[in-house]
Protein backbone atom coordinates (compact mmCIF):
# COMPACT_ATOMS: atom_id res chain seq x y z
CA UNK A 1 -38.95 -38.89 69.37
CA UNK A 2 -36.52 -37.43 66.52
CA UNK A 3 -38.03 -38.12 63.04
CA UNK A 4 -35.61 -35.75 60.87
CA UNK A 5 -31.69 -35.24 60.91
CA UNK A 6 -30.47 -32.40 59.42
CA UNK A 7 -26.77 -32.08 58.25
CA UNK A 8 -24.49 -29.25 57.43
CA UNK A 9 -22.13 -30.64 54.62
CA UNK A 10 -18.76 -28.98 54.88
CA UNK A 11 -16.93 -29.95 57.98
CA UNK A 12 -19.77 -32.33 59.02
CA UNK A 13 -20.77 -34.91 56.20
CA UNK A 14 -17.69 -33.95 53.99
CA UNK A 15 -14.03 -33.27 54.86
CA UNK A 16 -13.74 -30.63 52.69
CA UNK A 17 -10.86 -28.55 54.45
CA UNK A 18 -8.43 -29.02 51.48
CA UNK A 19 -11.05 -28.26 49.10
CA UNK A 20 -12.26 -25.04 50.70
CA UNK A 21 -9.02 -23.68 52.17
CA UNK A 22 -6.97 -24.22 48.76
CA UNK A 23 -9.53 -22.52 46.86
CA UNK A 24 -9.43 -19.45 49.40
CA UNK A 25 -5.63 -19.45 48.93
CA UNK A 26 -5.86 -19.86 45.01
CA UNK A 27 -8.30 -16.90 44.73
CA UNK A 28 -6.54 -14.49 47.23
CA UNK A 29 -2.92 -15.25 46.09
CA UNK A 30 -3.98 -14.73 42.56
CA UNK A 31 -5.07 -11.24 43.68
CA UNK A 32 -2.10 -10.58 45.96
CA UNK A 33 -3.84 -10.94 49.36
CA UNK A 34 -2.06 -13.50 51.75
CA UNK A 35 -4.31 -14.74 54.24
CA UNK A 36 -3.56 -17.50 56.95
CA UNK A 37 -5.50 -20.53 57.49
CA UNK A 38 -6.28 -19.52 60.99
CA UNK A 39 -7.88 -16.36 59.64
CA UNK A 40 -9.92 -18.63 57.19
CA UNK A 41 -10.97 -20.79 60.11
CA UNK A 42 -12.64 -17.99 61.73
CA UNK A 43 -14.98 -17.05 58.82
CA UNK A 44 -15.89 -20.89 58.15
CA UNK A 45 -19.64 -21.66 58.12
CA UNK A 46 -20.41 -18.10 56.42
CA UNK A 47 -21.82 -17.46 52.84
CA UNK A 48 -18.73 -17.41 50.49
CA UNK A 49 -19.13 -13.78 49.68
CA UNK A 50 -19.39 -12.68 53.09
CA UNK A 51 -16.13 -14.52 53.91
CA UNK A 52 -14.33 -12.65 51.23
CA UNK A 53 -15.78 -9.18 52.29
CA UNK A 54 -14.75 -9.89 55.93
CA UNK A 55 -11.17 -11.13 54.91
CA UNK A 56 -10.32 -8.37 52.26
CA UNK A 57 -12.51 -5.43 53.29
CA UNK A 58 -13.50 -5.20 49.67
CA UNK A 59 -17.02 -4.33 48.60
CA UNK A 60 -16.71 -5.83 45.27
CA UNK A 61 -15.62 -9.60 45.66
CA UNK A 62 -16.83 -11.11 42.47
CA UNK A 63 -13.47 -11.59 40.96
CA UNK A 64 -12.63 -13.63 44.11
CA UNK A 65 -15.71 -15.71 44.28
CA UNK A 66 -15.29 -16.37 40.40
CA UNK A 67 -11.57 -17.81 41.05
CA UNK A 68 -12.98 -19.63 44.35
CA UNK A 69 -15.52 -21.35 42.36
CA UNK A 70 -13.19 -22.09 39.25
CA UNK A 71 -10.59 -23.77 41.36
CA UNK A 72 -13.39 -25.95 43.11
CA UNK A 73 -14.74 -27.04 39.73
CA UNK A 74 -11.30 -28.05 38.62
CA UNK A 75 -10.66 -30.00 42.09
CA UNK A 76 -13.61 -31.57 43.15
CA UNK A 77 -11.45 -34.73 44.32
CA UNK A 78 -10.17 -32.63 47.54
CA UNK A 79 -13.72 -33.09 48.82
CA UNK A 80 -14.10 -36.48 50.51
CA UNK A 81 -16.50 -38.10 52.87
CA UNK A 82 -15.71 -38.51 56.46
CA UNK A 83 -15.06 -41.94 58.08
CA UNK A 84 -18.39 -43.58 58.83
CA UNK A 85 -20.61 -40.76 57.28
CA UNK A 86 -22.00 -42.71 54.33
CA UNK A 87 -22.39 -45.45 56.93
CA UNK A 88 -24.39 -43.16 58.87
CA UNK A 89 -26.79 -42.01 56.27
CA UNK A 90 -27.33 -45.71 55.28
CA UNK A 91 -28.35 -46.48 58.75
CA UNK A 92 -30.77 -43.64 59.05
CA UNK A 93 -32.19 -44.48 55.71
CA UNK A 94 -32.69 -48.05 56.84
CA UNK A 95 -34.48 -46.85 59.99
CA UNK A 96 -36.81 -44.49 57.98
CA UNK A 97 -35.38 -41.16 59.55
CA UNK A 98 -35.82 -38.05 57.16
CA UNK A 99 -32.79 -36.65 55.95
CA UNK A 100 -31.66 -33.40 54.57
CA UNK A 101 -28.32 -31.38 54.07
CA UNK A 102 -28.23 -27.66 54.66
CA UNK A 103 -25.11 -25.77 53.21
CA UNK A 104 -24.06 -22.32 52.52
CA UNK A 105 -22.34 -23.57 49.55
CA UNK A 106 -23.88 -22.85 45.93
CA UNK A 107 -25.81 -25.57 44.34
CA UNK A 108 -23.73 -26.76 41.76
CA UNK A 109 -20.62 -27.49 43.84
CA UNK A 110 -22.73 -28.85 46.68
CA UNK A 111 -24.67 -31.33 44.57
CA UNK A 112 -21.23 -32.39 42.79
CA UNK A 113 -19.48 -33.34 45.91
CA UNK A 114 -22.31 -34.80 47.73
CA UNK A 115 -22.83 -37.09 44.34
CA UNK A 116 -19.46 -38.16 43.98
CA UNK A 117 -19.18 -39.26 47.75
CA UNK A 118 -22.40 -41.44 47.28
CA UNK A 119 -24.32 -39.44 49.73
CA UNK A 120 -26.95 -37.89 47.52
CA UNK A 121 -29.15 -40.64 47.25
CA UNK A 122 -29.66 -40.96 50.88
CA UNK A 123 -30.73 -37.59 51.15
CA UNK A 124 -34.60 -36.57 50.84
CA UNK A 125 -33.77 -32.71 50.57
CA UNK A 126 -30.84 -30.29 49.98
CA UNK A 127 -30.84 -26.82 50.99
CA UNK A 128 -28.21 -24.57 49.43
CA UNK A 129 -27.27 -20.79 49.35
CA UNK A 130 -28.93 -20.40 46.19
CA UNK A 131 -32.31 -21.77 47.64
CA UNK A 132 -32.86 -19.11 50.45
CA UNK A 133 -32.84 -15.55 51.02
CA UNK A 134 -31.34 -15.70 54.54
CA UNK A 135 -28.67 -18.46 54.95
CA UNK A 136 -27.57 -20.06 58.40
CA UNK A 137 -27.71 -19.03 61.33
CA UNK A 138 -31.14 -17.75 60.12
CA UNK A 139 -33.81 -20.50 60.51
CA UNK A 140 -34.85 -20.34 56.95
CA UNK A 141 -32.92 -23.13 55.64
CA UNK A 142 -33.84 -25.41 58.30
CA UNK A 143 -37.42 -24.29 58.16
CA UNK A 144 -37.54 -24.84 54.53
CA UNK A 145 -36.02 -28.65 54.87
CA UNK A 146 -38.68 -29.13 57.81
CA UNK A 147 -41.43 -28.12 55.63
CA UNK A 148 -40.52 -30.27 52.82
CA UNK A 149 -39.98 -33.30 55.08
CA UNK A 150 -43.30 -32.58 56.88
CA UNK A 151 -41.62 -32.72 60.49
CA UNK A 152 -42.02 -30.00 63.25
CA UNK A 153 -38.89 -28.60 64.73
CA UNK A 154 -39.12 -30.33 67.97
CA UNK A 155 -38.73 -33.72 66.21
CA UNK A 156 -35.62 -32.64 64.30
CA UNK A 157 -31.98 -32.63 65.23
CA UNK A 158 -29.32 -30.13 63.40
CA UNK A 159 -25.75 -31.72 63.00
CA UNK A 160 -22.83 -29.22 62.27
CA UNK A 161 -19.30 -28.16 62.93
CA UNK A 162 -19.96 -24.26 63.11
CA UNK A 163 -21.65 -21.82 65.39
CA UNK A 164 -24.00 -20.95 62.56
CA UNK A 165 -25.17 -24.67 62.51
CA UNK A 166 -25.98 -24.86 66.28
CA UNK A 167 -27.51 -21.06 66.25
CA UNK A 168 -29.50 -22.02 63.19
CA UNK A 169 -30.80 -25.04 64.91
CA UNK A 170 -31.80 -23.36 68.21
CA UNK A 171 -33.47 -20.39 65.98
CA UNK A 172 -35.54 -23.10 64.33
CA UNK A 173 -36.53 -24.82 67.30
CA UNK A 174 -34.53 -28.03 66.64
CA UNK A 175 -32.33 -30.19 68.95
CA UNK A 176 -28.64 -29.51 68.11
CA UNK A 177 -25.49 -31.76 67.84
CA UNK A 178 -22.08 -30.14 67.49
CA UNK A 179 -19.06 -32.18 65.87
CA UNK A 180 -15.48 -31.50 67.13
CA UNK A 181 -13.95 -32.90 63.78
CA UNK A 182 -14.68 -29.91 61.43
CA UNK A 183 -13.42 -26.57 60.63
CA UNK A 184 -14.14 -25.29 64.41
CA UNK A 185 -13.02 -27.85 66.36
CA UNK A 186 -13.51 -27.96 70.29
CA UNK A 187 -14.52 -24.58 69.80
CA UNK A 188 -18.01 -25.71 68.71
CA UNK A 189 -18.78 -26.54 72.45
CA UNK A 190 -19.01 -22.77 73.17
CA UNK A 191 -22.26 -22.78 70.97
CA UNK A 192 -23.85 -24.94 73.64
CA UNK A 193 -25.27 -27.89 71.40
CA UNK A 194 -27.51 -30.23 73.23
CA UNK A 195 -24.77 -33.05 72.31
CA UNK A 196 -21.02 -32.92 71.10
CA UNK A 197 -19.46 -35.64 69.38
CA UNK A 198 -16.13 -36.55 68.10
CA UNK A 199 -17.15 -39.03 65.53
CA UNK A 200 -20.39 -38.59 62.94
CA UNK A 201 -21.39 -42.47 64.15
CA UNK A 202 -22.21 -40.97 67.80
CA UNK A 203 -25.11 -39.37 66.08
CA UNK A 204 -26.59 -42.92 66.11
CA UNK A 205 -25.89 -43.20 69.71
CA UNK A 206 -27.92 -39.94 70.27
CA UNK A 207 -30.81 -41.49 68.30
CA UNK A 208 -30.53 -44.86 70.53
CA UNK A 209 -29.50 -46.74 67.16
């Protein structure tokens, strides 16, 4: 029986397509690097610094990361909850499930957008890139959350839109649910999650709620 649900944030709980894409475009255009959204899509789910290194082939990307964070700090309204996401968290809380969010985003922006979307109050624990040595797809973020929640991996499910989310769940020993409405769309099926959903409310069906 599942006791804990672990959610990715960007592309799963929050629709941050424009929040993230526009931040990349702002930073890259500012420094004269033109990147298409198709290219950006290929790196979604990876830590920010790794994304910029892959996209630009530069070793020092600190100026790009700073521009990226500056843009997001000025435009938090570009992050909005997916339809039904808050309701799902509310239902899970009512049914006494443990709930955690696991993201490769920095702590300050992650907490800000979760708070403004009225989600933070439903979460027992949040794991950001600042809280771990090894981000997803390494199991460390999930292990950290499960240890805090006091739930063994086989009684937890990881929900996410990227291959890194599904791989992290498998590496940690949890069940996995892939969502098709995020950054990677139908491609999430190739990661072979235990279930694929088109709307976050279908997570409740998986739990028989």
